[in-house]
Amino acid sequence: MDSLFADEAFDRRPSIVAPGAVWIPGFLSEQAQSWIIARWAEWQSGPVPPHATTIAGHPMSVRTIGLGWHWRPGRYDRRAADVNNRRVLPFPDWMTRLGRQVLQAATAVVDDADDQPADTAAAWGFVPNGYHPDVALVNYYDAQAKMGMHQDKDEFDPAPVVSLSLGDTCLFRFGNSEHRNRPYTDLRLASGDAFVFGGPARFAYHGVRSIQPGTAPEAGRLDHLGGGRINITMRTTGRG
């Protein structure tokens, strides 16, 4: 049974999942995975601790840390008024550089595709040197956590979203911009994978259906958290 879910049983080549959406498996090295996971220990010590955001009166099953801005449905603030009213940690410069590297890799995937015009990546907003993310939502998923299909639409700037996965593999569903139903694509995002969506896919519905416990590689293990997955999504709020 384990062999059915091993990475080698799936096609893990970089690919265009939908117009504007690019998956880059194995983007982060083992060293980079370990280093970023170690940053979680710093972030979770505050000033704003990991918390479950409440949506329509119900707490999410993931715990979130905001860098740069604090998110709650429909707004971004510098202070976490719904947690402890403390100011969030700044958005780190190294994350901007990393986001640009992901966009550069995504651009290469698009440019190498035989069925895409030469200027497609730029049309999708994949402009690495012009990418200036100012917020990261760092979500921790335990083995039972999920995230329903949703759009990332609280930002004023439609720059691409850059996502990084660490820890256990998740079953990720990436859909369309009109509704939560088909067409959609299910992917297994593993530790070290990057995913970018911008342009025509910027407001696509997407979600996490499940976490697959015990699938993290050695460099991506979250033993100090009891396993699970960390997902980092960089966005550009446009709030200045």
Protein backbone atom coordinates (compact mmCIF):
# COMPACT_ATOMS: atom_id res chain seq x y z
CA MET A 1 0.00 0.00 0.00
CA ASP A 2 2.80 2.44 0.85
CA SER A 3 4.20 2.09 -2.65
CA LEU A 4 0.92 3.37 -4.09
CA PHE A 5 1.51 6.72 -2.41
CA ALA A 6 5.26 7.00 -2.96
CA ASP A 7 6.38 10.00 -4.98
CA GLU A 8 7.77 7.79 -7.71
CA ALA A 9 4.24 6.51 -8.38
CA PHE A 10 3.23 10.01 -9.55
CA ASP A 11 4.42 12.35 -12.27
CA ARG A 12 6.37 15.02 -10.37
CA ARG A 13 7.77 17.02 -13.23
CA PRO A 14 7.24 20.80 -13.18
CA SER A 15 4.02 21.55 -14.99
CA ILE A 16 1.41 24.12 -15.93
CA VAL A 17 -1.66 22.99 -13.98
CA ALA A 18 -3.95 25.62 -15.51
CA PRO A 19 -3.38 28.89 -17.37
CA GLY A 20 -1.60 31.03 -14.77
CA ALA A 21 -0.86 28.18 -12.35
CA VAL A 22 2.50 26.39 -12.21
CA TRP A 23 3.63 23.53 -9.95
CA ILE A 24 7.35 23.17 -9.23
CA PRO A 25 7.99 19.92 -7.30
CA GLY A 26 11.13 19.74 -5.19
CA PHE A 27 11.95 23.43 -5.49
CA LEU A 28 13.41 23.70 -1.97
CA SER A 29 16.59 21.82 -1.16
CA GLU A 30 16.79 19.69 1.98
CA GLN A 31 18.90 22.37 3.64
CA ALA A 32 16.38 25.07 2.74
CA GLN A 33 13.49 22.99 4.08
CA SER A 34 15.22 22.46 7.42
CA TRP A 35 16.17 26.13 7.68
CA ILE A 36 12.67 27.43 7.00
CA ILE A 37 11.12 24.92 9.40
CA ALA A 38 13.46 26.24 12.08
CA ARG A 39 12.06 29.73 11.48
CA TRP A 40 8.63 28.48 12.64
CA ALA A 41 9.99 28.16 16.16
CA GLU A 42 10.91 31.85 16.06
CA TRP A 43 7.59 32.94 14.55
CA GLN A 44 5.43 30.95 16.95
CA SER A 45 7.02 32.65 19.96
CA GLY A 46 5.14 35.80 19.01
CA PRO A 47 4.37 38.56 19.41
CA VAL A 48 1.23 37.06 17.84
CA PRO A 49 1.05 33.30 18.44
CA PRO A 50 -0.33 30.74 15.98
CA HIS A 51 -4.10 31.02 16.06
CA ALA A 52 -7.21 29.58 14.44
CA THR A 53 -8.94 32.31 12.45
CA THR A 54 -12.72 32.38 12.85
CA ILE A 55 -14.81 32.39 9.67
CA ALA A 56 -18.58 32.76 9.91
CA GLY A 57 -18.42 31.90 13.59
CA HIS A 58 -16.35 28.74 13.14
CA PRO A 59 -12.59 28.43 13.84
CA MET A 60 -10.47 27.10 11.00
CA SER A 61 -8.71 23.77 11.57
CA VAL A 62 -5.34 25.31 10.62
CA ARG A 63 -3.32 27.61 12.87
CA THR A 64 -1.94 30.74 11.23
CA ILE A 65 0.92 33.16 11.75
CA GLY A 66 0.96 36.36 9.73
CA LEU A 67 4.20 38.03 8.66
CA GLY A 68 3.99 41.65 7.52
CA TRP A 69 0.24 41.85 7.98
CA HIS A 70 -2.39 40.10 10.09
CA TRP A 71 -5.18 38.56 8.06
CA ARG A 72 -8.77 38.01 9.01
CA PRO A 73 -11.64 37.59 6.53
CA GLY A 74 -11.96 40.65 4.36
CA ARG A 75 -9.08 42.69 5.75
CA TYR A 76 -5.42 43.06 6.60
CA ASP A 77 -4.14 44.92 9.67
CA ARG A 78 -0.75 45.48 11.25
CA ARG A 79 -2.13 44.40 14.64
CA ALA A 80 -3.97 41.20 15.49
CA ALA A 81 -7.09 42.76 17.01
CA ASP A 82 -8.88 39.41 17.14
CA VAL A 83 -6.00 37.63 18.95
CA ASN A 84 -4.02 39.83 21.35
CA ASN A 85 -3.86 43.22 19.59
CA ARG A 86 -0.08 42.90 19.19
CA ARG A 87 1.72 44.03 16.06
CA VAL A 88 2.76 41.15 13.79
CA LEU A 89 6.32 40.33 12.82
CA PRO A 90 7.71 42.11 9.74
CA PHE A 91 7.82 40.43 6.37
CA PRO A 92 11.39 39.07 6.01
CA ASP A 93 13.63 40.23 3.19
CA TRP A 94 14.83 36.68 2.53
CA MET A 95 11.27 35.67 1.73
CA THR A 96 11.06 38.32 -0.99
CA ARG A 97 14.21 36.91 -2.55
CA LEU A 98 12.84 33.39 -2.28
CA GLY A 99 9.52 34.40 -3.83
CA ARG A 100 11.36 35.90 -6.78
CA GLN A 101 13.35 32.70 -7.22
CA VAL A 102 10.13 30.70 -7.33
CA LEU A 103 8.70 33.06 -9.95
CA GLN A 104 11.89 32.72 -11.98
CA ALA A 105 11.55 28.94 -11.88
CA ALA A 106 7.87 29.18 -12.84
CA THR A 107 8.78 31.48 -15.73
CA ALA A 108 11.26 28.89 -16.99
CA VAL A 109 8.56 26.20 -16.89
CA VAL A 110 6.22 28.37 -18.96
CA ASP A 111 8.94 29.41 -21.40
CA ASP A 112 9.91 25.77 -21.94
CA ALA A 113 6.34 24.74 -22.74
CA ASP A 114 5.84 24.09 -26.44
CA ASP A 115 2.23 25.30 -26.46
CA GLN A 116 2.78 28.73 -24.85
CA PRO A 117 3.63 32.01 -26.63
CA ALA A 118 6.93 33.64 -25.72
CA ASP A 119 5.37 36.37 -23.56
CA THR A 120 2.96 34.14 -21.63
CA ALA A 121 4.79 34.23 -18.29
CA ALA A 122 4.90 38.03 -18.28
CA ALA A 123 1.22 38.18 -19.22
CA TRP A 124 0.48 36.03 -16.17
CA GLY A 125 2.34 38.48 -13.93
CA PHE A 126 5.41 36.29 -13.54
CA VAL A 127 7.89 39.19 -13.36
CA PRO A 128 10.46 38.10 -10.76
CA ASN A 129 12.32 41.40 -10.35
CA GLY A 130 9.03 43.26 -10.04
CA TYR A 131 7.63 40.96 -7.36
CA HIS A 132 7.23 42.72 -4.02
CA PRO A 133 5.22 40.52 -1.63
CA ASP A 134 4.49 42.14 1.71
CA VAL A 135 2.57 39.46 3.60
CA ALA A 136 2.99 35.76 4.24
CA LEU A 137 0.33 33.59 5.80
CA VAL A 138 2.07 30.66 7.45
CA ASN A 139 -0.44 27.89 8.08
CA TYR A 140 0.17 24.80 10.19
CA TYR A 141 -1.94 21.72 9.41
CA ASP A 142 -2.06 18.82 11.85
CA ALA A 143 -3.06 15.38 10.58
CA GLN A 144 -6.78 16.19 10.72
CA ALA A 145 -6.68 19.73 9.31
CA LYS A 146 -8.27 20.70 6.01
CA MET A 147 -9.09 23.86 4.14
CA GLY A 148 -12.23 24.26 2.07
CA MET A 149 -12.30 25.61 -1.45
CA HIS A 150 -11.79 29.36 -1.34
CA GLN A 151 -10.39 32.33 -3.28
CA ASP A 152 -7.51 34.55 -2.15
CA LYS A 153 -9.24 37.86 -2.87
CA ASP A 154 -8.54 40.18 0.07
CA GLU A 155 -5.53 41.75 -1.65
CA PHE A 156 -5.76 44.96 -3.72
CA ASP A 157 -2.77 43.95 -5.84
CA PRO A 158 -3.35 40.97 -8.19
CA ALA A 159 0.32 39.93 -8.16
CA PRO A 160 0.82 36.15 -8.15
CA VAL A 161 0.54 34.08 -5.00
CA VAL A 162 3.65 32.02 -4.23
CA SER A 163 3.09 28.92 -2.09
CA LEU A 164 5.67 26.67 -0.40
CA SER A 165 4.98 23.31 1.24
CA LEU A 166 6.91 21.77 4.14
CA GLY A 167 6.33 18.60 6.12
CA ASP A 168 3.78 15.93 5.29
CA THR A 169 2.29 15.69 1.82
CA CYS A 170 -1.18 17.12 1.30
CA LEU A 171 -3.87 16.44 -1.26
CA PHE A 172 -4.37 19.85 -2.85
CA ARG A 173 -7.27 20.75 -5.12
CA PHE A 174 -6.89 23.61 -7.61
CA GLY A 175 -10.05 24.67 -9.36
CA ASN A 176 -11.48 27.42 -11.52
CA SER A 177 -12.31 31.07 -10.91
CA GLU A 178 -16.09 30.77 -11.28
CA HIS A 179 -17.18 28.31 -8.59
CA ARG A 180 -16.03 25.50 -6.28
CA ASN A 181 -17.05 22.69 -8.62
CA ARG A 182 -15.37 21.07 -11.60
CA PRO A 183 -13.15 21.58 -13.45
CA TYR A 184 -10.38 21.15 -10.91
CA THR A 185 -7.10 19.30 -10.56
CA ASP A 186 -5.94 17.32 -7.53
CA LEU A 187 -2.21 17.36 -6.73
CA ARG A 188 -0.02 15.85 -4.05
CA LEU A 189 2.04 18.76 -2.73
CA ALA A 190 5.08 17.36 -0.94
CA SER A 191 7.70 18.96 1.29
CA GLY A 192 9.83 21.33 -0.77
CA ASP A 193 7.25 21.87 -3.51
CA ALA A 194 6.41 25.35 -4.79
CA PHE A 195 3.17 26.42 -6.45
CA VAL A 196 2.42 29.73 -8.17
CA PHE A 197 -0.89 31.12 -9.37
CA GLY A 198 -1.43 34.45 -11.05
CA GLY A 199 -2.95 36.02 -14.14
CA PRO A 200 -6.08 34.10 -15.21
CA ALA A 201 -5.68 31.73 -12.23
CA ARG A 202 -5.12 34.38 -9.56
CA PHE A 203 -8.65 34.07 -8.16
CA ALA A 204 -9.11 30.35 -8.72
CA TYR A 205 -10.78 28.39 -5.94
CA HIS A 206 -8.40 26.04 -4.16
CA GLY A 207 -8.19 24.04 -0.96
CA VAL A 208 -6.55 21.22 0.98
CA ARG A 209 -8.54 18.01 1.13
CA SER A 210 -6.33 16.01 3.48
CA ILE A 211 -2.91 15.56 5.05
CA GLN A 212 -1.06 12.28 4.59
CA PRO A 213 0.70 11.56 7.92
CA GLY A 214 4.20 10.15 7.92
CA THR A 215 5.05 11.22 4.36
CA ALA A 216 7.56 14.00 5.17
CA PRO A 217 11.19 13.43 4.17
CA GLU A 218 13.85 13.59 6.85
CA ALA A 219 14.63 17.25 6.13
CA GLY A 220 10.96 18.19 6.22
CA ARG A 221 9.83 16.37 9.33
CA LEU A 222 7.88 18.37 11.90
CA ASP A 223 8.45 16.05 14.86
CA HIS A 224 8.52 18.97 17.29
CA LEU A 225 4.94 19.74 16.23
CA GLY A 226 3.78 16.14 16.22
CA GLY A 227 4.00 15.92 12.43
CA GLY A 228 1.77 17.71 9.96
CA ARG A 229 2.38 20.33 7.30
CA ILE A 230 3.44 23.96 7.10
CA ASN A 231 2.30 26.02 4.13
CA ILE A 232 3.65 29.48 3.38
CA THR A 233 1.75 31.71 0.94
CA MET A 234 3.22 35.04 -0.11
CA ARG A 235 0.92 37.73 -1.42
CA THR A 236 1.02 41.45 -2.24
CA THR A 237 -1.66 43.33 -0.33
CA GLY A 238 -1.39 46.59 -2.26
CA ARG A 239 -1.98 48.50 0.97
CA GLY A 240 1.37 50.25 1.12
